Amino acid sequence: MAGFWTRFKADKMALAMAVFLGIVILLSLLAPLIAPYHPAHQDIANKFAPPSAEHLLGTDQLGRDMLSRILWGGQITVLWSLATMFCTIGIGILLGVVAGYFRGWVDEVIMRVCDIMLSFPNEVLILAIIGVMGTGILNILLAMVIAKWAWYVRMIRSIVIQFMDKNYICFARVSGCSARHIINKHLLPSAMGEICVLATLDAGSIILNISALSFLGLGVQPPTAEWGMMLNEAKKVLSINPWQMLPPGFAIFLVVAAFNFLGDSIQEALDPQLDKSMKKRLSIFRRKKAVA
């Protein structure tokens, strides 16, 4: 773990993405305190106002401050996405560790249920659940947890199985340590790095799903501020005021890209051989290109 932190801190991209995401999460949490206006406050006389000292990102078609709506929208788009990710990964860790450690009939039952869930495409399953339960952020989050938990279980099970043949796990089992002790003290700490990679890479996908559903009118409903809903409202006035698309669009793009870059950096820090292999292939490719 010490080597991981050393490699992670040496990666400037990883630190930049971690700091950026930390700032985004902090701003979202503090939105009620730092947002200059209430996100639903309307000023029709000031609609489509350009960026100014009074409205740093301008106003929308109802005169609402875009910066305030971006800050408040982060509470749903980012914070609720993280809550969804923690719920799914919690289920994944619980069932994946049980299936990977105990194996046998327990593993068979859990894996067959996962096979059934994974036979449905995620997007189709999410839309079907929302169609039954109705729109709303809580229904979206529940639908995504139901659609994604099986993928986490299968991935975490495969990670756990990789560590089951390690010498320290075998020694702990032979020494008579309880399953709970082995899982809590040896197995989970060893597997947590790879689990974090899965969670970080999937966080961007969850944000895109929430934003896409809100953009289609199946998620957050107006006047609630949410980045996908802001894009939905902006598309109606695209020919009149195209600037209105940019703040929420760039917010989604930057946060999703930051999660993806952070996940890649964590993966490289956990497996330095992966980074060396990639650099070696790039070096060979450059030499061949130079010769050509």
Protein backbone atom coordinates (compact mmCIF):
# COMPACT_ATOMS: atom_id res chain seq x y z
CA MET A 1 0.00 0.00 0.00
CA ALA A 2 2.92 2.35 0.72
CA GLY A 3 4.19 1.78 -2.82
CA PHE A 4 0.74 2.60 -4.18
CA TRP A 5 0.61 5.96 -2.41
CA THR A 6 4.15 6.78 -3.54
CA ARG A 7 3.28 6.09 -7.18
CA PHE A 8 -0.09 7.84 -6.86
CA LYS A 9 1.42 11.02 -5.41
CA ALA A 10 4.07 11.03 -8.15
CA ASP A 11 1.33 11.07 -10.80
CA LYS A 12 0.46 14.74 -11.36
CA MET A 13 -2.61 13.84 -13.41
CA ALA A 14 -3.98 11.69 -10.60
CA LEU A 15 -3.47 14.42 -8.03
CA ALA A 16 -5.02 17.04 -10.30
CA MET A 17 -8.11 14.89 -10.92
CA ALA A 18 -8.45 14.05 -7.22
CA VAL A 19 -8.23 17.73 -6.25
CA PHE A 20 -10.68 18.73 -8.99
CA LEU A 21 -13.25 16.14 -7.92
CA GLY A 22 -12.77 17.09 -4.29
CA ILE A 23 -13.53 20.72 -5.17
CA VAL A 24 -16.61 19.70 -7.18
CA ILE A 25 -17.96 17.60 -4.29
CA LEU A 26 -17.23 20.38 -1.78
CA LEU A 27 -18.96 23.01 -3.93
CA SER A 28 -21.97 20.72 -4.34
CA LEU A 29 -22.20 20.19 -0.58
CA LEU A 30 -21.88 23.92 0.12
CA ALA A 31 -24.25 25.00 -2.67
CA PRO A 32 -26.94 26.30 -0.26
CA LEU A 33 -24.32 28.55 1.36
CA ILE A 34 -22.27 29.78 -1.61
CA ALA A 35 -24.78 29.92 -4.48
CA PRO A 36 -25.52 33.61 -5.19
CA TYR A 37 -29.22 32.92 -5.92
CA HIS A 38 -31.83 30.27 -5.24
CA PRO A 39 -31.88 27.87 -8.21
CA ALA A 40 -35.63 28.38 -8.77
CA HIS A 41 -35.54 32.19 -8.48
CA GLN A 42 -36.96 33.67 -11.71
CA ASP A 43 -36.35 37.10 -13.20
CA ILE A 44 -38.08 37.18 -16.59
CA ALA A 45 -36.85 40.70 -17.26
CA ASN A 46 -33.29 39.35 -17.10
CA LYS A 47 -33.71 36.23 -19.25
CA PHE A 48 -30.84 35.20 -21.55
CA ALA A 49 -28.54 37.67 -19.79
CA PRO A 50 -24.91 37.21 -20.87
CA PRO A 51 -22.16 36.46 -18.35
CA SER A 52 -21.57 39.47 -16.10
CA ALA A 53 -20.44 40.39 -12.61
CA GLU A 54 -24.00 39.87 -11.36
CA HIS A 55 -24.49 36.54 -13.17
CA LEU A 56 -21.11 34.93 -13.82
CA LEU A 57 -22.53 32.32 -16.21
CA GLY A 58 -25.52 34.33 -17.39
CA THR A 59 -29.19 33.42 -17.00
CA ASP A 60 -31.55 30.96 -18.69
CA GLN A 61 -34.90 31.43 -20.46
CA LEU A 62 -36.62 32.17 -17.14
CA GLY A 63 -33.94 34.51 -15.84
CA ARG A 64 -32.55 31.96 -13.39
CA ASP A 65 -28.88 32.26 -12.50
CA MET A 66 -26.91 29.55 -14.33
CA LEU A 67 -24.06 29.39 -11.80
CA SER A 68 -26.49 28.81 -8.93
CA ARG A 69 -28.25 26.06 -10.87
CA ILE A 70 -24.91 24.41 -11.72
CA LEU A 71 -23.90 24.41 -8.04
CA TRP A 72 -27.26 23.08 -6.85
CA GLY A 73 -27.42 20.62 -9.74
CA GLY A 74 -24.17 19.06 -8.57
CA GLN A 75 -25.96 17.81 -5.45
CA ILE A 76 -28.10 15.51 -7.61
CA THR A 77 -25.80 14.78 -10.53
CA VAL A 78 -22.63 14.17 -8.51
CA LEU A 79 -23.61 13.46 -4.91
CA TRP A 80 -26.56 11.19 -5.70
CA SER A 81 -24.44 9.40 -8.30
CA LEU A 82 -21.84 8.71 -5.62
CA ALA A 83 -24.58 7.50 -3.27
CA THR A 84 -25.78 5.11 -5.97
CA MET A 85 -22.24 3.88 -6.54
CA PHE A 86 -21.70 3.22 -2.82
CA CYS A 87 -25.00 1.31 -2.58
CA THR A 88 -24.20 -0.92 -5.56
CA ILE A 89 -20.62 -1.51 -4.50
CA GLY A 90 -21.82 -2.33 -0.97
CA ILE A 91 -24.08 -5.05 -2.36
CA GLY A 92 -21.29 -6.15 -4.69
CA ILE A 93 -18.75 -6.48 -1.88
CA LEU A 94 -21.16 -8.37 0.38
CA LEU A 95 -22.29 -10.94 -2.21
CA GLY A 96 -19.05 -11.02 -4.20
CA VAL A 97 -16.90 -11.77 -1.16
CA VAL A 98 -19.34 -14.43 0.07
CA ALA A 99 -19.43 -16.09 -3.36
CA GLY A 100 -15.65 -15.89 -3.90
CA TYR A 101 -14.65 -17.02 -0.40
CA PHE A 102 -17.11 -19.82 0.37
CA ARG A 103 -17.66 -21.06 -3.21
CA GLY A 104 -19.77 -24.25 -3.48
CA TRP A 105 -23.55 -24.03 -3.66
CA VAL A 106 -23.55 -20.48 -2.26
CA ASP A 107 -21.42 -19.34 -5.19
CA GLU A 108 -23.63 -21.23 -7.66
CA VAL A 109 -26.85 -19.64 -6.39
CA ILE A 110 -25.44 -16.09 -6.38
CA MET A 111 -23.85 -16.47 -9.82
CA ARG A 112 -27.01 -17.88 -11.40
CA VAL A 113 -29.01 -14.92 -10.09
CA CYS A 114 -26.33 -12.60 -11.47
CA ASP A 115 -26.50 -14.36 -14.83
CA ILE A 116 -30.24 -13.71 -14.96
CA MET A 117 -29.78 -10.01 -14.12
CA LEU A 118 -26.90 -9.58 -16.58
CA SER A 119 -28.96 -11.13 -19.40
CA PHE A 120 -30.89 -7.84 -19.57
CA PRO A 121 -29.11 -4.80 -21.06
CA ASN A 122 -28.61 -2.16 -18.36
CA GLU A 123 -30.31 0.65 -20.25
CA VAL A 124 -33.36 -1.47 -21.13
CA LEU A 125 -33.71 -2.68 -17.54
CA ILE A 126 -33.40 0.86 -16.15
CA LEU A 127 -36.03 2.18 -18.57
CA ALA A 128 -38.37 -0.72 -17.73
CA ILE A 129 -38.07 -0.09 -13.99
CA ILE A 130 -38.63 3.64 -14.41
CA GLY A 131 -41.62 2.91 -16.65
CA VAL A 132 -43.17 0.85 -13.84
CA MET A 133 -42.18 3.03 -10.88
CA GLY A 134 -42.43 6.44 -12.54
CA THR A 135 -40.00 9.32 -12.92
CA GLY A 136 -38.02 10.94 -10.12
CA ILE A 137 -34.47 10.87 -8.82
CA LEU A 138 -35.12 8.21 -6.16
CA ASN A 139 -36.68 5.88 -8.72
CA ILE A 140 -33.71 6.43 -11.06
CA LEU A 141 -31.22 5.60 -8.34
CA LEU A 142 -33.15 2.49 -7.29
CA ALA A 143 -33.35 1.40 -10.94
CA MET A 144 -29.60 1.82 -11.40
CA VAL A 145 -28.82 -0.12 -8.22
CA ILE A 146 -31.04 -2.98 -9.40
CA ALA A 147 -29.49 -2.91 -12.88
CA LYS A 148 -25.84 -2.69 -11.78
CA TRP A 149 -25.44 -4.77 -8.62
CA ALA A 150 -24.97 -8.06 -10.48
CA TRP A 151 -22.05 -6.65 -12.51
CA TYR A 152 -20.32 -5.54 -9.30
CA VAL A 153 -20.90 -8.93 -7.66
CA ARG A 154 -19.36 -10.81 -10.58
CA MET A 155 -16.35 -8.48 -10.84
CA ILE A 156 -15.65 -8.46 -7.09
CA ARG A 157 -16.01 -12.25 -6.94
CA SER A 158 -13.32 -12.59 -9.61
CA ILE A 159 -11.06 -10.22 -7.67
CA VAL A 160 -11.56 -12.20 -4.45
CA ILE A 161 -10.79 -15.51 -6.18
CA GLN A 162 -7.45 -14.06 -7.37
CA PHE A 163 -6.41 -13.49 -3.76
CA MET A 164 -7.67 -16.78 -2.35
CA ASP A 165 -4.51 -18.64 -3.47
CA LYS A 166 -2.13 -16.09 -1.91
CA ASN A 167 0.21 -17.54 0.72
CA TYR A 168 -0.94 -15.27 3.54
CA ILE A 169 -4.60 -16.23 2.93
CA CYS A 170 -3.75 -19.94 2.87
CA PHE A 171 -1.65 -19.57 6.03
CA ALA A 172 -4.47 -17.75 7.82
CA ARG A 173 -6.96 -20.50 6.91
CA VAL A 174 -4.59 -23.28 7.99
CA SER A 175 -3.91 -21.43 11.26
CA GLY A 176 -7.58 -21.71 12.15
CA CYS A 177 -8.53 -18.05 11.71
CA SER A 178 -12.25 -17.48 11.30
CA ALA A 179 -13.71 -16.56 7.93
CA ARG A 180 -14.74 -13.17 9.32
CA HIS A 181 -11.19 -12.46 10.49
CA ILE A 182 -9.65 -13.48 7.16
CA ILE A 183 -12.12 -11.41 5.15
CA ASN A 184 -11.84 -8.28 7.29
CA LYS A 185 -8.10 -8.36 8.01
CA HIS A 186 -6.60 -9.90 4.89
CA LEU A 187 -8.96 -10.31 1.95
CA LEU A 188 -10.78 -6.96 1.83
CA PRO A 189 -7.67 -4.80 2.43
CA SER A 190 -5.90 -6.63 -0.41
CA ALA A 191 -8.81 -6.39 -2.83
CA MET A 192 -9.92 -2.86 -1.94
CA GLY A 193 -7.55 -1.20 -4.40
CA GLU A 194 -9.02 -3.01 -7.40
CA ILE A 195 -12.51 -2.45 -6.06
CA CYS A 196 -11.79 1.28 -5.90
CA VAL A 197 -10.74 1.18 -9.56
CA LEU A 198 -14.09 -0.39 -10.49
CA ALA A 199 -16.01 2.17 -8.45
CA THR A 200 -14.10 5.16 -9.84
CA LEU A 201 -14.49 4.09 -13.45
CA ASP A 202 -18.21 3.34 -12.98
CA ALA A 203 -18.96 6.65 -11.25
CA GLY A 204 -18.69 8.47 -14.57
CA SER A 205 -21.12 6.00 -16.14
CA ILE A 206 -23.66 6.59 -13.38
CA ILE A 207 -23.42 10.36 -13.84
CA LEU A 208 -24.01 9.97 -17.57
CA ASN A 209 -27.03 7.71 -16.92
CA ILE A 210 -28.65 10.17 -14.51
CA SER A 211 -28.00 13.10 -16.85
CA ALA A 212 -29.24 11.20 -19.91
CA LEU A 213 -32.48 10.13 -18.22
CA SER A 214 -33.13 13.68 -17.03
CA PHE A 215 -32.32 14.98 -20.51
CA LEU A 216 -34.95 12.60 -21.93
CA GLY A 217 -37.51 13.78 -19.38
CA LEU A 218 -37.51 10.49 -17.44
CA GLY A 219 -35.47 11.64 -14.46
CA VAL A 220 -35.43 14.83 -12.45
CA GLN A 221 -38.40 17.05 -13.23
CA PRO A 222 -38.41 20.85 -13.44
CA PRO A 223 -37.93 23.18 -11.68
CA THR A 224 -35.33 21.06 -9.83
CA ALA A 225 -31.80 21.97 -10.86
CA GLU A 226 -29.89 19.04 -12.41
CA TRP A 227 -27.31 19.13 -15.18
CA GLY A 228 -29.16 16.77 -17.53
CA MET A 229 -32.43 18.63 -16.95
CA MET A 230 -30.63 21.92 -17.67
CA LEU A 231 -29.53 20.49 -21.02
CA ASN A 232 -33.12 19.43 -21.69
CA GLU A 233 -34.33 22.98 -21.08
CA ALA A 234 -31.47 24.48 -23.07
CA LYS A 235 -32.18 22.43 -26.20
CA LYS A 236 -35.56 24.15 -26.54
CA VAL A 237 -33.86 27.53 -26.99
CA LEU A 238 -30.74 26.29 -28.77
CA SER A 239 -31.29 28.46 -31.83
CA ILE A 240 -31.93 31.57 -29.70
CA ASN A 241 -29.30 31.18 -26.99
CA PRO A 242 -26.77 28.37 -27.65
CA TRP A 243 -24.62 29.54 -24.70
CA GLN A 244 -27.16 27.99 -22.33
CA MET A 245 -26.01 24.49 -23.35
CA LEU A 246 -22.37 25.07 -22.47
CA PRO A 247 -22.23 25.31 -18.63
CA PRO A 248 -24.12 22.05 -17.88
CA GLY A 249 -22.55 20.29 -20.85
CA PHE A 250 -19.01 21.16 -19.80
CA ALA A 251 -19.81 20.32 -16.16
CA ILE A 252 -20.88 16.78 -17.14
CA PHE A 253 -17.93 16.36 -19.51
CA LEU A 254 -15.30 17.53 -17.02
CA VAL A 255 -16.58 15.49 -14.06
CA VAL A 256 -16.99 12.27 -16.07
CA ALA A 257 -13.54 12.72 -17.67
CA ALA A 258 -12.01 13.39 -14.23
CA PHE A 259 -13.46 10.15 -12.80
CA ASN A 260 -12.18 8.18 -15.80
CA PHE A 261 -8.68 9.69 -15.59
CA LEU A 262 -8.59 9.09 -11.83
CA GLY A 263 -9.60 5.45 -12.32
CA ASP A 264 -6.85 4.94 -14.89
CA SER A 265 -4.30 6.54 -12.57
CA ILE A 266 -5.34 4.36 -9.64
CA GLN A 267 -5.06 1.28 -11.83
CA GLU A 268 -1.54 2.25 -12.94
CA ALA A 269 -0.51 2.97 -9.34
CA LEU A 270 -1.79 -0.45 -8.24
CA ASP A 271 -0.07 -2.25 -11.12
CA PRO A 272 3.15 -0.44 -12.10
CA GLN A 273 3.96 -3.23 -14.58
CA LEU A 274 0.90 -2.15 -16.56
CA ASP A 275 2.34 1.34 -16.94
CA LYS A 276 5.78 -0.01 -17.85
CA SER A 277 4.28 -2.35 -20.45
CA MET A 278 2.30 0.50 -21.98
CA LYS A 279 5.37 2.74 -22.13
CA LYS A 280 7.39 -0.06 -23.71
CA ARG A 281 4.77 -0.58 -26.43
CA LEU A 282 4.65 3.16 -27.11
CA SER A 283 8.46 3.26 -27.36
CA ILE A 284 8.49 0.38 -29.86
CA PHE A 285 5.73 2.04 -31.87
CA ARG A 286 7.64 5.34 -32.01
CA ARG A 287 10.85 3.61 -33.14
CA LYS A 288 9.02 1.79 -35.91
CA LYS A 289 7.37 5.01 -36.98
CA ALA A 290 10.73 6.82 -37.01
CA VAL A 291 12.30 4.06 -39.14
CA ALA A 292 9.39 4.16 -41.55
